[in-house]
Structure formats: structure tokens, C-alpha cells
């Protein structure tokens, strides 16, 4: 995840994150929660801004081709 963050203004921060994580106590600091919280915040900040539009366009073009009902359902669920 941190490999996506690049640039001279954030290089020091990116390099310091692993050191900061190593200093956390696995139980007292709840490392798993900290990591999952970081992922959630990262995704919400930098998620694909066109994701909904691309999914809607794909749904608009989705069609059923007999006898592939399972593939149609799978594609619909992935896009919905």
C-alpha cells in the first residue's frame, strides 16, 4: 500500500511508517485494527473516482446469453 505513495513531500513520512509500526505492541496497540483502519482511510481518500460510472456503464451493457445464467448473475453481482 505504501508503495503507491510517492513524491518528495511524502518520502520521509512513507519511510517512517514501518518504523512506527514496529514500535507498536501487538496486543496493547491493536496492530490489526490500526492496519485495517489505515487501509479503510487510504481507500476512502484515494479510491477510484470513476468506479461508479464504470460500473454503471458495464451494467448498462450487461446482457444475458442463453444458457449462461450463472455467468450473467456473477457479472451482475460483481458490478452491483
PDB file of N, CA and C in Angstrom:
ATOM      1  N   UNK A   1       0.822  -1.186   0.000  1.00  0.00           N
ATOM      2  CA  UNK A   1       0.000   0.000   0.000  1.00  0.00           C
ATOM      3  C   UNK A   1       0.870   1.255   0.000  1.00  0.00           C
ATOM      4  N   UNK A   2       1.895   1.252   0.815  1.00  0.00           N
ATOM      5  CA  UNK A   2       2.729   2.447   0.912  1.00  0.00           C
ATOM      6  C   UNK A   2       3.535   2.693  -0.359  1.00  0.00           C
ATOM      7  N   UNK A   3       3.683   1.669  -1.191  1.00  0.00           N
ATOM      8  CA  UNK A   3       4.431   1.848  -2.431  1.00  0.00           C
ATOM      9  C   UNK A   3       3.696   2.754  -3.404  1.00  0.00           C
ATOM     10  N   UNK A   4       2.394   2.981  -3.202  1.00  0.00           N
ATOM     11  CA  UNK A   4       1.616   3.873  -4.053  1.00  0.00           C
ATOM     12  C   UNK A   4       1.826   5.349  -3.700  1.00  0.00           C
ATOM     13  N   UNK A   5       2.350   5.597  -2.513  1.00  0.00           N
ATOM     14  CA  UNK A   5       2.540   6.970  -2.056  1.00  0.00           C
ATOM     15  C   UNK A   5       3.962   7.381  -2.412  1.00  0.00           C
ATOM     16  N   UNK A   6       4.077   8.310  -3.341  1.00  0.00           N
ATOM     17  CA  UNK A   6       5.394   8.704  -3.828  1.00  0.00           C
ATOM     18  C   UNK A   6       5.489  10.227  -3.930  1.00  0.00           C
ATOM     19  N   UNK A   7       6.716  10.707  -3.891  1.00  0.00           N
ATOM     20  CA  UNK A   7       6.951  12.129  -4.075  1.00  0.00           C
ATOM     21  C   UNK A   7       7.834  12.686  -2.994  1.00  0.00           C
ATOM     22  N   UNK A   8       8.514  13.764  -3.309  1.00  0.00           N
ATOM     23  CA  UNK A   8       9.470  14.341  -2.355  1.00  0.00           C
ATOM     24  C   UNK A   8       8.818  14.859  -1.069  1.00  0.00           C
ATOM     25  N   UNK A   9       7.557  15.230  -1.135  1.00  0.00           N
ATOM     26  CA  UNK A   9       6.906  15.784   0.053  1.00  0.00           C
ATOM     27  C   UNK A   9       6.473  14.698   1.038  1.00  0.00           C
ATOM     28  N   UNK A  10       6.377  13.456   0.594  1.00  0.00           N
ATOM     29  CA  UNK A  10       5.902  12.389   1.486  1.00  0.00           C
ATOM     30  C   UNK A  10       6.919  11.279   1.700  1.00  0.00           C
ATOM     31  N   UNK A  11       8.072  11.351   1.042  1.00  0.00           N
ATOM     32  CA  UNK A  11       9.059  10.275   1.156  1.00  0.00           C
ATOM     33  C   UNK A  11       9.466  10.011   2.598  1.00  0.00           C
ATOM     34  N   UNK A  12       9.725  11.050   3.357  1.00  0.00           N
ATOM     35  CA  UNK A  12      10.113  10.869   4.756  1.00  0.00           C
ATOM     36  C   UNK A  12       9.019  10.205   5.570  1.00  0.00           C
ATOM     37  N   UNK A  13       7.786  10.600   5.326  1.00  0.00           N
ATOM     38  CA  UNK A  13       6.649  10.013   6.041  1.00  0.00           C
ATOM     39  C   UNK A  13       6.512   8.539   5.698  1.00  0.00           C
ATOM     40  N   UNK A  14       6.605   8.208   4.412  1.00  0.00           N
ATOM     41  CA  UNK A  14       6.464   6.816   3.973  1.00  0.00           C
ATOM     42  C   UNK A  14       7.559   5.957   4.581  1.00  0.00           C
ATOM     43  N   UNK A  15       8.780   6.469   4.595  1.00  0.00           N
ATOM     44  CA  UNK A  15       9.891   5.707   5.157  1.00  0.00           C
ATOM     45  C   UNK A  15       9.747   5.532   6.670  1.00  0.00           C
ATOM     46  N   UNK A  16       9.098   6.461   7.334  1.00  0.00           N
ATOM     47  CA  UNK A  16       8.943   6.387   8.780  1.00  0.00           C
ATOM     48  C   UNK A  16       7.801   5.495   9.240  1.00  0.00           C
ATOM     49  N   UNK A  17       6.855   5.199   8.370  1.00  0.00           N
ATOM     50  CA  UNK A  17       5.696   4.386   8.759  1.00  0.00           C
ATOM     51  C   UNK A  17       6.109   2.999   9.252  1.00  0.00           C
ATOM     52  N   UNK A  18       6.953   2.250   8.524  1.00  0.00           N
ATOM     53  CA  UNK A  18       7.328   0.921   9.037  1.00  0.00           C
ATOM     54  C   UNK A  18       7.998   0.985  10.406  1.00  0.00           C
ATOM     55  N   UNK A  19       8.833   1.994  10.625  1.00  0.00           N
ATOM     56  CA  UNK A  19       9.474   2.143  11.930  1.00  0.00           C
ATOM     57  C   UNK A  19       8.433   2.383  13.023  1.00  0.00           C
ATOM     58  N   UNK A  20       7.460   3.212  12.724  1.00  0.00           N
ATOM     59  CA  UNK A  20       6.397   3.475  13.694  1.00  0.00           C
ATOM     60  C   UNK A  20       5.576   2.241  13.993  1.00  0.00           C
ATOM     61  N   UNK A  21       5.292   1.449  12.966  1.00  0.00           N
ATOM     62  CA  UNK A  21       4.515   0.220  13.172  1.00  0.00           C
ATOM     63  C   UNK A  21       5.290  -0.801  13.991  1.00  0.00           C
ATOM     64  N   UNK A  22       6.609  -0.858  13.791  1.00  0.00           N
ATOM     65  CA  UNK A  22       7.427  -1.801  14.551  1.00  0.00           C
ATOM     66  C   UNK A  22       7.450  -1.450  16.038  1.00  0.00           C
ATOM     67  N   UNK A  23       7.228  -0.201  16.379  1.00  0.00           N
ATOM     68  CA  UNK A  23       7.242   0.216  17.774  1.00  0.00           C
ATOM     69  C   UNK A  23       5.928  -0.080  18.491  1.00  0.00           C
ATOM     70  N   UNK A  24       4.891  -0.439  17.744  1.00  0.00           N
ATOM     71  CA  UNK A  24       3.606  -0.741  18.364  1.00  0.00           C
ATOM     72  C   UNK A  24       3.636  -2.115  19.023  1.00  0.00           C
ATOM     73  N   UNK A  25       2.979  -2.221  20.149  1.00  0.00           N
ATOM     74  CA  UNK A  25       2.836  -3.506  20.836  1.00  0.00           C
ATOM     75  C   UNK A  25       1.666  -4.247  20.208  1.00  0.00           C
ATOM     76  N   UNK A  26       1.863  -5.527  19.803  1.00  0.00           N
ATOM     77  CA  UNK A  26       0.812  -6.255  19.071  1.00  0.00           C
ATOM     78  C   UNK A  26      -0.533  -6.333  19.799  1.00  0.00           C
ATOM     79  N   UNK A  27      -0.514  -6.402  21.120  1.00  0.00           N
ATOM     80  CA  UNK A  27      -1.774  -6.529  21.862  1.00  0.00           C
ATOM     81  C   UNK A  27      -2.256  -5.175  22.361  1.00  0.00           C
ATOM     82  N   UNK A  28      -1.395  -4.445  23.034  1.00  0.00           N
ATOM     83  CA  UNK A  28      -1.800  -3.179  23.634  1.00  0.00           C
ATOM     84  C   UNK A  28      -2.204  -2.136  22.598  1.00  0.00           C
ATOM     85  N   UNK A  29      -1.532  -2.122  21.466  1.00  0.00           N
ATOM     86  CA  UNK A  29      -1.818  -1.122  20.446  1.00  0.00           C
ATOM     87  C   UNK A  29      -2.747  -1.639  19.351  1.00  0.00           C
ATOM     88  N   UNK A  30      -3.182  -2.893  19.444  1.00  0.00           N
ATOM     89  CA  UNK A  30      -4.100  -3.495  18.488  1.00  0.00           C
ATOM     90  C   UNK A  30      -3.651  -3.211  17.043  1.00  0.00           C
ATOM     91  N   UNK A  31      -2.535  -3.818  16.666  1.00  0.00           N
ATOM     92  CA  UNK A  31      -1.906  -3.581  15.371  1.00  0.00           C
ATOM     93  C   UNK A  31      -2.862  -3.910  14.224  1.00  0.00           C
ATOM     94  N   UNK A  32      -3.622  -4.977  14.356  1.00  0.00           N
ATOM     95  CA  UNK A  32      -4.551  -5.344  13.279  1.00  0.00           C
ATOM     96  C   UNK A  32      -5.581  -4.238  13.049  1.00  0.00           C
ATOM     97  N   UNK A  33      -6.157  -3.704  14.120  1.00  0.00           N
ATOM     98  CA  UNK A  33      -7.117  -2.608  13.985  1.00  0.00           C
ATOM     99  C   UNK A  33      -6.465  -1.384  13.353  1.00  0.00           C
ATOM    100  N   UNK A  34      -5.242  -1.071  13.798  1.00  0.00           N
ATOM    101  CA  UNK A  34      -4.531   0.085  13.255  1.00  0.00           C
ATOM    102  C   UNK A  34      -4.322  -0.078  11.754  1.00  0.00           C
ATOM    103  N   UNK A  35      -3.910  -1.264  11.331  1.00  0.00           N
ATOM    104  CA  UNK A  35      -3.670  -1.523   9.907  1.00  0.00           C
ATOM    105  C   UNK A  35      -4.972  -1.455   9.108  1.00  0.00           C
ATOM    106  N   UNK A  36      -6.026  -2.103   9.610  1.00  0.00           N
ATOM    107  CA  UNK A  36      -7.304  -2.099   8.902  1.00  0.00           C
ATOM    108  C   UNK A  36      -7.883  -0.683   8.827  1.00  0.00           C
ATOM    109  N   UNK A  37      -7.724   0.083   9.874  1.00  0.00           N
ATOM    110  CA  UNK A  37      -8.179   1.464   9.887  1.00  0.00           C
ATOM    111  C   UNK A  37      -7.406   2.291   8.857  1.00  0.00           C
ATOM    112  N   UNK A  38      -6.097   2.055   8.774  1.00  0.00           N
ATOM    113  CA  UNK A  38      -5.286   2.749   7.773  1.00  0.00           C
ATOM    114  C   UNK A  38      -5.769   2.408   6.359  1.00  0.00           C
ATOM    115  N   UNK A  39      -6.001   1.121   6.091  1.00  0.00           N
ATOM    116  CA  UNK A  39      -6.477   0.716   4.766  1.00  0.00           C
ATOM    117  C   UNK A  39      -7.808   1.366   4.424  1.00  0.00           C
ATOM    118  N   UNK A  40      -8.724   1.378   5.375  1.00  0.00           N
ATOM    119  CA  UNK A  40     -10.032   1.979   5.154  1.00  0.00           C
ATOM    120  C   UNK A  40      -9.912   3.463   4.826  1.00  0.00           C
ATOM    121  N   UNK A  41      -9.122   4.170   5.600  1.00  0.00           N
ATOM    122  CA  UNK A  41      -8.941   5.602   5.358  1.00  0.00           C
ATOM    123  C   UNK A  41      -8.208   5.871   4.043  1.00  0.00           C
ATOM    124  N   UNK A  42      -7.225   5.030   3.719  1.00  0.00           N
ATOM    125  CA  UNK A  42      -6.494   5.193   2.472  1.00  0.00           C
ATOM    126  C   UNK A  42      -7.423   4.997   1.280  1.00  0.00           C
ATOM    127  N   UNK A  43      -8.212   3.928   1.312  1.00  0.00           N
ATOM    128  CA  UNK A  43      -9.134   3.650   0.216  1.00  0.00           C
ATOM    129  C   UNK A  43     -10.180   4.743   0.060  1.00  0.00           C
ATOM    130  N   UNK A  44     -10.690   5.258   1.165  1.00  0.00           N
ATOM    131  CA  UNK A  44     -11.707   6.302   1.059  1.00  0.00           C
ATOM    132  C   UNK A  44     -11.116   7.605   0.519  1.00  0.00           C
ATOM    133  N   UNK A  45      -9.855   7.854   0.794  1.00  0.00           N
ATOM    134  CA  UNK A  45      -9.210   9.072   0.321  1.00  0.00           C
ATOM    135  C   UNK A  45      -8.774   8.972  -1.137  1.00  0.00           C
ATOM    136  N   UNK A  46      -8.308   7.793  -1.539  1.00  0.00           N
ATOM    137  CA  UNK A  46      -7.702   7.652  -2.856  1.00  0.00           C
ATOM    138  C   UNK A  46      -8.404   6.641  -3.750  1.00  0.00           C
ATOM    139  N   UNK A  47      -9.653   6.322  -3.452  1.00  0.00           N
ATOM    140  CA  UNK A  47     -10.358   5.331  -4.257  1.00  0.00           C
ATOM    141  C   UNK A  47     -10.593   5.840  -5.681  1.00  0.00           C
ATOM    142  N   UNK A  48     -10.886   4.921  -6.541  1.00  0.00           N
ATOM    143  CA  UNK A  48     -11.127   5.242  -7.948  1.00  0.00           C
ATOM    144  C   UNK A  48     -12.377   6.110  -8.054  1.00  0.00           C
ATOM    145  N   UNK A  49     -12.200   7.345  -8.471  1.00  0.00           N
ATOM    146  CA  UNK A  49     -13.317   8.278  -8.535  1.00  0.00           C
ATOM    147  C   UNK A  49     -14.302   7.937  -9.650  1.00  0.00           C
ATOM    148  N   UNK A  50     -13.886   7.125 -10.585  1.00  0.00           N
ATOM    149  CA  UNK A  50     -14.758   6.747 -11.707  1.00  0.00           C
ATOM    150  C   UNK A  50     -15.374   5.369 -11.511  1.00  0.00           C
ATOM    151  N   UNK A  51     -15.185   4.764 -10.362  1.00  0.00           N
ATOM    152  CA  UNK A  51     -15.638   3.393 -10.130  1.00  0.00           C
ATOM    153  C   UNK A  51     -17.139   3.243 -10.375  1.00  0.00           C
ATOM    154  N   UNK A  52     -17.952   4.149  -9.841  1.00  0.00           N
ATOM    155  CA  UNK A  52     -19.398   4.052 -10.009  1.00  0.00           C
ATOM    156  C   UNK A  52     -19.804   4.234 -11.463  1.00  0.00           C
ATOM    157  N   UNK A  53     -19.177   5.177 -12.139  1.00  0.00           N
ATOM    158  CA  UNK A  53     -19.524   5.429 -13.545  1.00  0.00           C
ATOM    159  C   UNK A  53     -19.160   4.240 -14.418  1.00  0.00           C
ATOM    160  N   UNK A  54     -17.995   3.641 -14.172  1.00  0.00           N
ATOM    161  CA  UNK A  54     -17.565   2.473 -14.949  1.00  0.00           C
ATOM    162  C   UNK A  54     -18.498   1.298 -14.677  1.00  0.00           C
ATOM    163  N   UNK A  55     -18.865   1.088 -13.420  1.00  0.00           N
ATOM    164  CA  UNK A  55     -19.780   0.000 -13.079  1.00  0.00           C
ATOM    165  C   UNK A  55     -21.146   0.215 -13.726  1.00  0.00           C
ATOM    166  N   UNK A  56     -21.651   1.449 -13.718  1.00  0.00           N
ATOM    167  CA  UNK A  56     -22.942   1.736 -14.335  1.00  0.00           C
ATOM    168  C   UNK A  56     -22.897   1.482 -15.837  1.00  0.00           C
ATOM    169  N   UNK A  57     -21.828   1.897 -16.489  1.00  0.00           N
ATOM    170  CA  UNK A  57     -21.691   1.656 -17.932  1.00  0.00           C
ATOM    171  C   UNK A  57     -21.630   0.164 -18.224  1.00  0.00           C
ATOM    172  N   UNK A  58     -20.933  -0.578 -17.380  1.00  0.00           N
ATOM    173  CA  UNK A  58     -20.857  -2.028 -17.560  1.00  0.00           C
ATOM    174  C   UNK A  58     -22.216  -2.679 -17.331  1.00  0.00           C
ATOM    175  N   UNK A  59     -22.960  -2.195 -16.330  1.00  0.00           N
ATOM    176  CA  UNK A  59     -24.314  -2.717 -16.096  1.00  0.00           C
ATOM    177  C   UNK A  59     -25.226  -2.421 -17.282  1.00  0.00           C
ATOM    178  N   UNK A  60     -25.075  -1.245 -17.848  1.00  0.00           N
ATOM    179  CA  UNK A  60     -25.903  -0.878 -18.999  1.00  0.00           C
ATOM    180  C   UNK A  60     -25.643  -1.800 -20.189  1.00  0.00           C
ATOM    181  N   UNK A  61     -24.420  -2.300 -20.310  1.00  0.00           N
ATOM    182  CA  UNK A  61     -24.074  -3.161 -21.428  1.00  0.00           C
ATOM    183  C   UNK A  61     -24.229  -4.646 -21.119  1.00  0.00           C
ATOM    184  N   UNK A  62     -24.502  -4.977 -19.871  1.00  0.00           N
ATOM    185  CA  UNK A  62     -24.633  -6.369 -19.465  1.00  0.00           C
ATOM    186  C   UNK A  62     -25.866  -6.988 -20.104  1.00  0.00           C
ATOM    187  N   UNK A  63     -25.702  -8.171 -20.668  1.00  0.00           N
ATOM    188  CA  UNK A  63     -26.846  -8.855 -21.273  1.00  0.00           C
ATOM    189  C   UNK A  63     -26.730 -10.353 -21.022  1.00  0.00           C
ATOM    190  N   UNK A  64     -27.860 -10.990 -21.010  1.00  0.00           N
ATOM    191  CA  UNK A  64     -27.939 -12.425 -20.772  1.00  0.00           C
ATOM    192  C   UNK A  64     -27.833 -13.164 -22.097  1.00  0.00           C
ATOM    193  N   UNK A  65     -26.966 -14.168 -22.125  1.00  0.00           N
ATOM    194  CA  UNK A  65     -26.808 -15.014 -23.304  1.00  0.00           C
ATOM    195  C   UNK A  65     -27.103 -16.451 -22.892  1.00  0.00           C
ATOM    196  N   UNK A  66     -28.223 -16.970 -23.387  1.00  0.00           N
ATOM    197  CA  UNK A  66     -28.630 -18.337 -23.061  1.00  0.00           C
ATOM    198  C   UNK A  66     -27.539 -19.301 -23.460  1.00  0.00           C
ATOM    199  N   UNK A  67     -27.207 -20.264 -22.661  1.00  0.00           N
ATOM    200  CA  UNK A  67     -27.725 -20.696 -21.362  1.00  0.00           C
ATOM    201  C   UNK A  67     -26.849 -20.252 -20.190  1.00  0.00           C
ATOM    202  N   UNK A  68     -26.087 -19.192 -20.323  1.00  0.00           N
ATOM    203  CA  UNK A  68     -25.099 -18.783 -19.319  1.00  0.00           C
ATOM    204  C   UNK A  68     -25.692 -17.921 -18.212  1.00  0.00           C
ATOM    205  N   UNK A  69     -26.728 -18.402 -17.563  1.00  0.00           N
ATOM    206  CA  UNK A  69     -27.386 -17.635 -16.494  1.00  0.00           C
ATOM    207  C   UNK A  69     -26.451 -17.417 -15.302  1.00  0.00           C
ATOM    208  N   UNK A  70     -25.629 -18.422 -14.978  1.00  0.00           N
ATOM    209  CA  UNK A  70     -24.720 -18.285 -13.836  1.00  0.00           C
ATOM    210  C   UNK A  70     -23.682 -17.198 -14.080  1.00  0.00           C
ATOM    211  N   UNK A  71     -23.169 -17.106 -15.291  1.00  0.00           N
ATOM    212  CA  UNK A  71     -22.202 -16.065 -15.621  1.00  0.00           C
ATOM    213  C   UNK A  71     -22.863 -14.686 -15.565  1.00  0.00           C
ATOM    214  N   UNK A  72     -24.087 -14.599 -16.047  1.00  0.00           N
ATOM    215  CA  UNK A  72     -24.823 -13.329 -16.007  1.00  0.00           C
ATOM    216  C   UNK A  72     -25.023 -12.873 -14.560  1.00  0.00           C
ATOM    217  N   UNK A  73     -25.454 -13.786 -13.709  1.00  0.00           N
ATOM    218  CA  UNK A  73     -25.679 -13.459 -12.294  1.00  0.00           C
ATOM    219  C   UNK A  73     -24.370 -13.050 -11.632  1.00  0.00           C
ATOM    220  N   UNK A  74     -23.298 -13.787 -11.912  1.00  0.00           N
ATOM    221  CA  UNK A  74     -21.998 -13.472 -11.339  1.00  0.00           C
ATOM    222  C   UNK A  74     -21.525 -12.083 -11.766  1.00  0.00           C
ATOM    223  N   UNK A  75     -21.659 -11.770 -13.033  1.00  0.00           N
ATOM    224  CA  UNK A  75     -21.257 -10.460 -13.533  1.00  0.00           C
ATOM    225  C   UNK A  75     -22.100  -9.344 -12.898  1.00  0.00           C
ATOM    226  N   UNK A  76     -23.403  -9.584 -12.782  1.00  0.00           N
ATOM    227  CA  UNK A  76     -24.294  -8.585 -12.185  1.00  0.00           C
ATOM    228  C   UNK A  76     -23.915  -8.331 -10.721  1.00  0.00           C
ATOM    229  N   UNK A  77     -23.697  -9.402  -9.965  1.00  0.00           N
ATOM    230  CA  UNK A  77     -23.349  -9.240  -8.548  1.00  0.00           C
ATOM    231  C   UNK A  77     -22.019  -8.523  -8.379  1.00  0.00           C
ATOM    232  N   UNK A  78     -21.063  -8.773  -9.273  1.00  0.00           N
ATOM    233  CA  UNK A  78     -19.763  -8.115  -9.191  1.00  0.00           C
ATOM    234  C   UNK A  78     -19.903  -6.613  -9.451  1.00  0.00           C
ATOM    235  N   UNK A  79     -20.803  -6.239 -10.356  1.00  0.00           N
ATOM    236  CA  UNK A  79     -20.956  -4.833 -10.725  1.00  0.00           C
ATOM    237  C   UNK A  79     -21.887  -4.066  -9.785  1.00  0.00           C
ATOM    238  N   UNK A  80     -22.834  -4.748  -9.188  1.00  0.00           N
ATOM    239  CA  UNK A  80     -23.844  -4.084  -8.355  1.00  0.00           C
ATOM    240  C   UNK A  80     -23.281  -3.624  -7.026  1.00  0.00           C
TER     241      UNK A  80
END
